[in-house]
């Protein structure tokens, strides 16, 4: 190959690399545009939901009495007036399923985390150590209780024997 052919080949390779970079940049720009449009649509949906919630809150505040708006609890009232509180609107079935699924997932994750911590080797070893220490303490306490009980039993036996011997001497003296 001549040097001219090498230069042409290098130029073609450079042109192909530039073409690939331009195509990649255009696809990245198109993807960014789609993501931007999706974000704008989501922002519009959130703005609509926020407006609906604000309208619901405004309707709820308009129906409440001024005296009830400052009451934190109904302590001392005979019956709290539940008719004055606004009833939230019905929720869509998909939203309900989403709420229930999220709540269940959060509870399951909390349970799994607790079990993972409770069944960790360090915790099991600590529990084993505490159980062993408690068993030893209970044995020591039982031995001490047994010694006290035997001492009291022997003291009562000695007292009974001493009392019966004294009783016989009294009878012998009187006779």
C-alpha atoms as a PDB file:
ATOM      1  CA  UNK A   1       0.000   0.000   0.000  1.00  0.00           C
ATOM      2  CA  UNK A   2       1.133   3.438  -0.824  1.00  0.00           C
ATOM      3  CA  UNK A   3       1.056   6.344   1.542  1.00  0.00           C
ATOM      4  CA  UNK A   4      -1.767   7.934  -0.454  1.00  0.00           C
ATOM      5  CA  UNK A   5      -3.909   4.842   0.010  1.00  0.00           C
ATOM      6  CA  UNK A   6      -3.136   4.874   3.743  1.00  0.00           C
ATOM      7  CA  UNK A   7      -4.227   8.493   3.990  1.00  0.00           C
ATOM      8  CA  UNK A   8      -7.463   7.741   2.126  1.00  0.00           C
ATOM      9  CA  UNK A   9      -8.109   4.745   4.370  1.00  0.00           C
ATOM     10  CA  UNK A  10      -7.420   6.800   7.512  1.00  0.00           C
ATOM     11  CA  UNK A  11      -9.724   9.539   6.238  1.00  0.00           C
ATOM     12  CA  UNK A  12     -12.510   7.015   5.570  1.00  0.00           C
ATOM     13  CA  UNK A  13     -12.066   5.543   9.055  1.00  0.00           C
ATOM     14  CA  UNK A  14     -12.182   9.015  10.563  1.00  0.00           C
ATOM     15  CA  UNK A  15     -15.313   9.849   8.556  1.00  0.00           C
ATOM     16  CA  UNK A  16     -16.987   6.604   9.689  1.00  0.00           C
ATOM     17  CA  UNK A  17     -16.069   7.346  13.331  1.00  0.00           C
ATOM     18  CA  UNK A  18     -17.479  10.860  13.022  1.00  0.00           C
ATOM     19  CA  UNK A  19     -20.652   9.482  11.416  1.00  0.00           C
ATOM     20  CA  UNK A  20     -21.047   6.974  14.256  1.00  0.00           C
ATOM     21  CA  UNK A  21     -20.557   9.737  16.840  1.00  0.00           C
ATOM     22  CA  UNK A  22     -23.119  11.943  15.119  1.00  0.00           C
ATOM     23  CA  UNK A  23     -25.632   9.076  15.015  1.00  0.00           C
ATOM     24  CA  UNK A  24     -25.037   8.303  18.698  1.00  0.00           C
ATOM     25  CA  UNK A  25     -25.447  11.966  19.620  1.00  0.00           C
ATOM     26  CA  UNK A  26     -28.716  12.203  17.658  1.00  0.00           C
ATOM     27  CA  UNK A  27     -30.106   9.059  19.296  1.00  0.00           C
ATOM     28  CA  UNK A  28     -29.088  10.356  22.749  1.00  0.00           C
ATOM     29  CA  UNK A  29     -30.738  13.689  21.984  1.00  0.00           C
ATOM     30  CA  UNK A  30     -33.911  11.943  20.809  1.00  0.00           C
ATOM     31  CA  UNK A  31     -33.965   9.776  23.942  1.00  0.00           C
ATOM     32  CA  UNK A  32     -33.429  12.857  26.126  1.00  0.00           C
ATOM     33  CA  UNK A  33     -36.273  14.588  24.296  1.00  0.00           C
ATOM     34  CA  UNK A  34     -38.606  11.647  24.900  1.00  0.00           C
ATOM     35  CA  UNK A  35     -37.634  11.536  28.589  1.00  0.00           C
ATOM     36  CA  UNK A  36     -38.159  15.292  28.865  1.00  0.00           C
ATOM     37  CA  UNK A  37     -41.611  15.012  27.306  1.00  0.00           C
ATOM     38  CA  UNK A  38     -42.483  12.129  29.658  1.00  0.00           C
ATOM     39  CA  UNK A  39     -41.313  14.198  32.646  1.00  0.00           C
ATOM     40  CA  UNK A  40     -43.414  17.150  31.477  1.00  0.00           C
ATOM     41  CA  UNK A  41     -46.472  14.894  31.083  1.00  0.00           C
ATOM     42  CA  UNK A  42     -45.892  13.492  34.576  1.00  0.00           C
ATOM     43  CA  UNK A  43     -45.544  17.023  35.961  1.00  0.00           C
ATOM     44  CA  UNK A  44     -48.836  18.012  34.307  1.00  0.00           C
ATOM     45  CA  UNK A  45     -50.540  14.928  35.790  1.00  0.00           C
ATOM     46  CA  UNK A  46     -49.143  15.762  39.238  1.00  0.00           C
ATOM     47  CA  UNK A  47     -50.286  19.364  38.889  1.00  0.00           C
ATOM     48  CA  UNK A  48     -53.791  18.137  38.033  1.00  0.00           C
ATOM     49  CA  UNK A  49     -53.815  15.786  41.038  1.00  0.00           C
ATOM     50  CA  UNK A  50     -52.569  18.600  43.275  1.00  0.00           C
ATOM     51  CA  UNK A  51     -55.301  20.885  42.020  1.00  0.00           C
ATOM     52  CA  UNK A  52     -57.892  18.177  42.709  1.00  0.00           C
ATOM     53  CA  UNK A  53     -56.557  17.652  46.238  1.00  0.00           C
ATOM     54  CA  UNK A  54     -56.510  21.398  46.906  1.00  0.00           C
ATOM     55  CA  UNK A  55     -60.089  21.678  45.664  1.00  0.00           C
ATOM     56  CA  UNK A  56     -61.099  18.780  47.923  1.00  0.00           C
ATOM     57  CA  UNK A  57     -59.407  20.413  50.913  1.00  0.00           C
ATOM     58  CA  UNK A  58     -61.029  23.744  50.103  1.00  0.00           C
ATOM     59  CA  UNK A  59     -64.462  22.059  49.948  1.00  0.00           C
ATOM     60  CA  UNK A  60     -63.748  20.326  53.254  1.00  0.00           C
ATOM     61  CA  UNK A  61     -62.681  23.582  54.933  1.00  0.00           C
ATOM     62  CA  UNK A  62     -65.746  25.384  53.626  1.00  0.00           C
ATOM     63  CA  UNK A  63     -68.093  22.822  55.189  1.00  0.00           C
ATOM     64  CA  UNK A  64     -66.433  22.793  58.634  1.00  0.00           C
ATOM     65  CA  UNK A  65     -67.609  25.148  61.361  1.00  0.00           C
ATOM     66  CA  UNK A  66     -65.159  27.706  62.738  1.00  0.00           C
ATOM     67  CA  UNK A  67     -65.472  26.308  66.262  1.00  0.00           C
ATOM     68  CA  UNK A  68     -64.596  22.785  65.139  1.00  0.00           C
ATOM     69  CA  UNK A  69     -61.533  23.853  63.171  1.00  0.00           C
ATOM     70  CA  UNK A  70     -59.668  24.603  66.408  1.00  0.00           C
ATOM     71  CA  UNK A  71     -60.747  21.510  68.338  1.00  0.00           C
ATOM     72  CA  UNK A  72     -57.959  18.960  68.503  1.00  0.00           C
ATOM     73  CA  UNK A  73     -59.806  16.277  70.439  1.00  0.00           C
ATOM     74  CA  UNK A  74     -63.367  15.667  71.504  1.00  0.00           C
ATOM     75  CA  UNK A  75     -62.511  14.977  75.147  1.00  0.00           C
ATOM     76  CA  UNK A  76     -65.439  15.958  77.314  1.00  0.00           C
ATOM     77  CA  UNK A  77     -67.904  16.082  74.426  1.00  0.00           C
ATOM     78  CA  UNK A  78     -70.799  13.703  74.692  1.00  0.00           C
ATOM     79  CA  UNK A  79     -70.667  12.561  71.065  1.00  0.00           C
ATOM     80  CA  UNK A  80     -68.244  13.887  68.495  1.00  0.00           C
ATOM     81  CA  UNK A  81     -70.123  15.231  65.479  1.00  0.00           C
ATOM     82  CA  UNK A  82     -68.975  12.966  62.663  1.00  0.00           C
ATOM     83  CA  UNK A  83     -71.488  14.359  60.175  1.00  0.00           C
ATOM     84  CA  UNK A  84     -69.552  17.653  59.935  1.00  0.00           C
ATOM     85  CA  UNK A  85     -66.320  15.990  58.822  1.00  0.00           C
ATOM     86  CA  UNK A  86     -66.040  15.686  55.053  1.00  0.00           C
ATOM     87  CA  UNK A  87     -66.091  12.218  53.567  1.00  0.00           C
ATOM     88  CA  UNK A  88     -63.150  11.667  51.240  1.00  0.00           C
ATOM     89  CA  UNK A  89     -64.068  10.795  47.682  1.00  0.00           C
ATOM     90  CA  UNK A  90     -64.050   7.248  46.429  1.00  0.00           C
ATOM     91  CA  UNK A  91     -60.752   6.050  45.082  1.00  0.00           C
ATOM     92  CA  UNK A  92     -60.175   4.172  41.883  1.00  0.00           C
ATOM     93  CA  UNK A  93     -59.767   0.391  42.057  1.00  0.00           C
ATOM     94  CA  UNK A  94     -56.258   0.521  40.624  1.00  0.00           C
ATOM     95  CA  UNK A  95     -55.242   3.131  43.187  1.00  0.00           C
ATOM     96  CA  UNK A  96     -56.697   1.015  45.994  1.00  0.00           C
ATOM     97  CA  UNK A  97     -54.793  -2.059  44.792  1.00  0.00           C
ATOM     98  CA  UNK A  98     -51.638   0.046  44.533  1.00  0.00           C
ATOM     99  CA  UNK A  99     -52.066   1.356  48.090  1.00  0.00           C
ATOM    100  CA  UNK A 100     -52.734  -2.111  49.501  1.00  0.00           C
ATOM    101  CA  UNK A 101     -49.816  -3.617  47.575  1.00  0.00           C
ATOM    102  CA  UNK A 102     -47.416  -0.927  48.772  1.00  0.00           C
ATOM    103  CA  UNK A 103     -48.558  -1.249  52.374  1.00  0.00           C
ATOM    104  CA  UNK A 104     -48.216  -5.022  52.220  1.00  0.00           C
ATOM    105  CA  UNK A 105     -44.795  -4.736  50.604  1.00  0.00           C
ATOM    106  CA  UNK A 106     -43.642  -2.329  53.320  1.00  0.00           C
ATOM    107  CA  UNK A 107     -44.896  -4.642  56.077  1.00  0.00           C
ATOM    108  CA  UNK A 108     -43.261  -7.657  54.405  1.00  0.00           C
ATOM    109  CA  UNK A 109     -39.986  -5.778  54.012  1.00  0.00           C
ATOM    110  CA  UNK A 110     -40.085  -4.761  57.679  1.00  0.00           C
ATOM    111  CA  UNK A 111     -40.787  -8.329  58.742  1.00  0.00           C
ATOM    112  CA  UNK A 112     -37.977  -9.662  56.546  1.00  0.00           C
ATOM    113  CA  UNK A 113     -35.576  -7.089  57.959  1.00  0.00           C
ATOM    114  CA  UNK A 114     -36.546  -7.971  61.518  1.00  0.00           C
ATOM    115  CA  UNK A 115     -36.162 -11.686  60.873  1.00  0.00           C
ATOM    116  CA  UNK A 116     -32.818 -11.147  59.179  1.00  0.00           C
ATOM    117  CA  UNK A 117     -31.585  -9.194  62.200  1.00  0.00           C
ATOM    118  CA  UNK A 118     -33.088 -11.637  64.705  1.00  0.00           C
ATOM    119  CA  UNK A 119     -31.524 -14.643  62.981  1.00  0.00           C
ATOM    120  CA  UNK A 120     -28.094 -13.071  62.579  1.00  0.00           C
ATOM    121  CA  UNK A 121     -25.264 -15.168  64.060  1.00  0.00           C
ATOM    122  CA  UNK A 122     -24.303 -12.450  66.565  1.00  0.00           C
ATOM    123  CA  UNK A 123     -27.838 -12.277  67.921  1.00  0.00           C
ATOM    124  CA  UNK A 124     -28.152 -16.063  68.113  1.00  0.00           C
ATOM    125  CA  UNK A 125     -24.826 -16.287  69.988  1.00  0.00           C
ATOM    126  CA  UNK A 126     -25.908 -13.543  72.389  1.00  0.00           C
ATOM    127  CA  UNK A 127     -29.204 -15.326  73.020  1.00  0.00           C
ATOM    128  CA  UNK A 128     -27.359 -18.619  73.564  1.00  0.00           C
ATOM    129  CA  UNK A 129     -24.990 -16.922  76.028  1.00  0.00           C
ATOM    130  CA  UNK A 130     -27.845 -15.263  77.931  1.00  0.00           C
ATOM    131  CA  UNK A 131     -29.791 -18.545  78.097  1.00  0.00           C
ATOM    132  CA  UNK A 132     -26.738 -20.396  79.412  1.00  0.00           C
ATOM    133  CA  UNK A 133     -26.171 -17.693  82.016  1.00  0.00           C
ATOM    134  CA  UNK A 134     -29.837 -17.802  83.059  1.00  0.00           C
ATOM    135  CA  UNK A 135     -29.758 -21.614  83.384  1.00  0.00           C
ATOM    136  CA  UNK A 136     -26.646 -21.390  85.556  1.00  0.00           C
ATOM    137  CA  UNK A 137     -28.257 -18.691  87.705  1.00  0.00           C
ATOM    138  CA  UNK A 138     -31.402 -20.814  88.112  1.00  0.00           C
ATOM    139  CA  UNK A 139     -29.338 -23.871  89.112  1.00  0.00           C
ATOM    140  CA  UNK A 140     -27.393 -21.833  91.653  1.00  0.00           C
ATOM    141  CA  UNK A 141     -30.638 -20.414  93.053  1.00  0.00           C
ATOM    142  CA  UNK A 142     -32.178 -23.906  93.298  1.00  0.00           C
ATOM    143  CA  UNK A 143     -29.095 -25.199  95.129  1.00  0.00           C
ATOM    144  CA  UNK A 144     -29.219 -22.270  97.544  1.00  0.00           C
ATOM    145  CA  UNK A 145     -32.963 -22.800  98.128  1.00  0.00           C
ATOM    146  CA  UNK A 146     -32.354 -26.512  98.707  1.00  0.00           C
ATOM    147  CA  UNK A 147     -29.613 -25.765 101.271  1.00  0.00           C
ATOM    148  CA  UNK A 148     -31.883 -23.305 103.115  1.00  0.00           C
ATOM    149  CA  UNK A 149     -34.749 -25.809 103.094  1.00  0.00           C
ATOM    150  CA  UNK A 150     -32.514 -28.619 104.406  1.00  0.00           C
ATOM    151  CA  UNK A 151     -31.154 -26.336 107.156  1.00  0.00           C
ATOM    152  CA  UNK A 152     -34.672 -25.405 108.233  1.00  0.00           C
ATOM    153  CA  UNK A 153     -35.798 -29.061 108.087  1.00  0.00           C
ATOM    154  CA  UNK A 154     -32.871 -30.240 110.214  1.00  0.00           C
ATOM    155  CA  UNK A 155     -33.408 -27.381 112.684  1.00  0.00           C
ATOM    156  CA  UNK A 156     -37.085 -28.378 113.050  1.00  0.00           C
ATOM    157  CA  UNK A 157     -36.081 -32.031 113.540  1.00  0.00           C
ATOM    158  CA  UNK A 158     -33.586 -31.030 116.231  1.00  0.00           C
ATOM    159  CA  UNK A 159     -36.201 -28.852 117.892  1.00  0.00           C
ATOM    160  CA  UNK A 160     -38.739 -31.701 117.807  1.00  0.00           C
ATOM    161  CA  UNK A 161     -36.213 -34.157 119.239  1.00  0.00           C
ATOM    162  CA  UNK A 162     -35.231 -31.723 121.956  1.00  0.00           C
ATOM    163  CA  UNK A 163     -38.892 -31.073 122.742  1.00  0.00           C
ATOM    164  CA  UNK A 164     -39.762 -34.772 122.991  1.00  0.00           C
ATOM    165  CA  UNK A 165     -36.768 -35.494 125.228  1.00  0.00           C
ATOM    166  CA  UNK A 166     -37.701 -32.599 127.514  1.00  0.00           C
ATOM    167  CA  UNK A 167     -41.262 -33.868 127.604  1.00  0.00           C
ATOM    168  CA  UNK A 168     -40.153 -37.337 128.757  1.00  0.00           C
ATOM    169  CA  UNK A 169     -38.046 -35.950 131.568  1.00  0.00           C
ATOM    170  CA  UNK A 170     -40.954 -33.866 132.762  1.00  0.00           C
ATOM    171  CA  UNK A 171     -43.155 -36.935 132.826  1.00  0.00           C
ATOM    172  CA  UNK A 172     -40.495 -38.939 134.656  1.00  0.00           C
ATOM    173  CA  UNK A 173     -40.041 -36.257 137.273  1.00  0.00           C
ATOM    174  CA  UNK A 174     -43.732 -35.949 137.906  1.00  0.00           C
ATOM    175  CA  UNK A 175     -44.242 -39.671 138.358  1.00  0.00           C
END
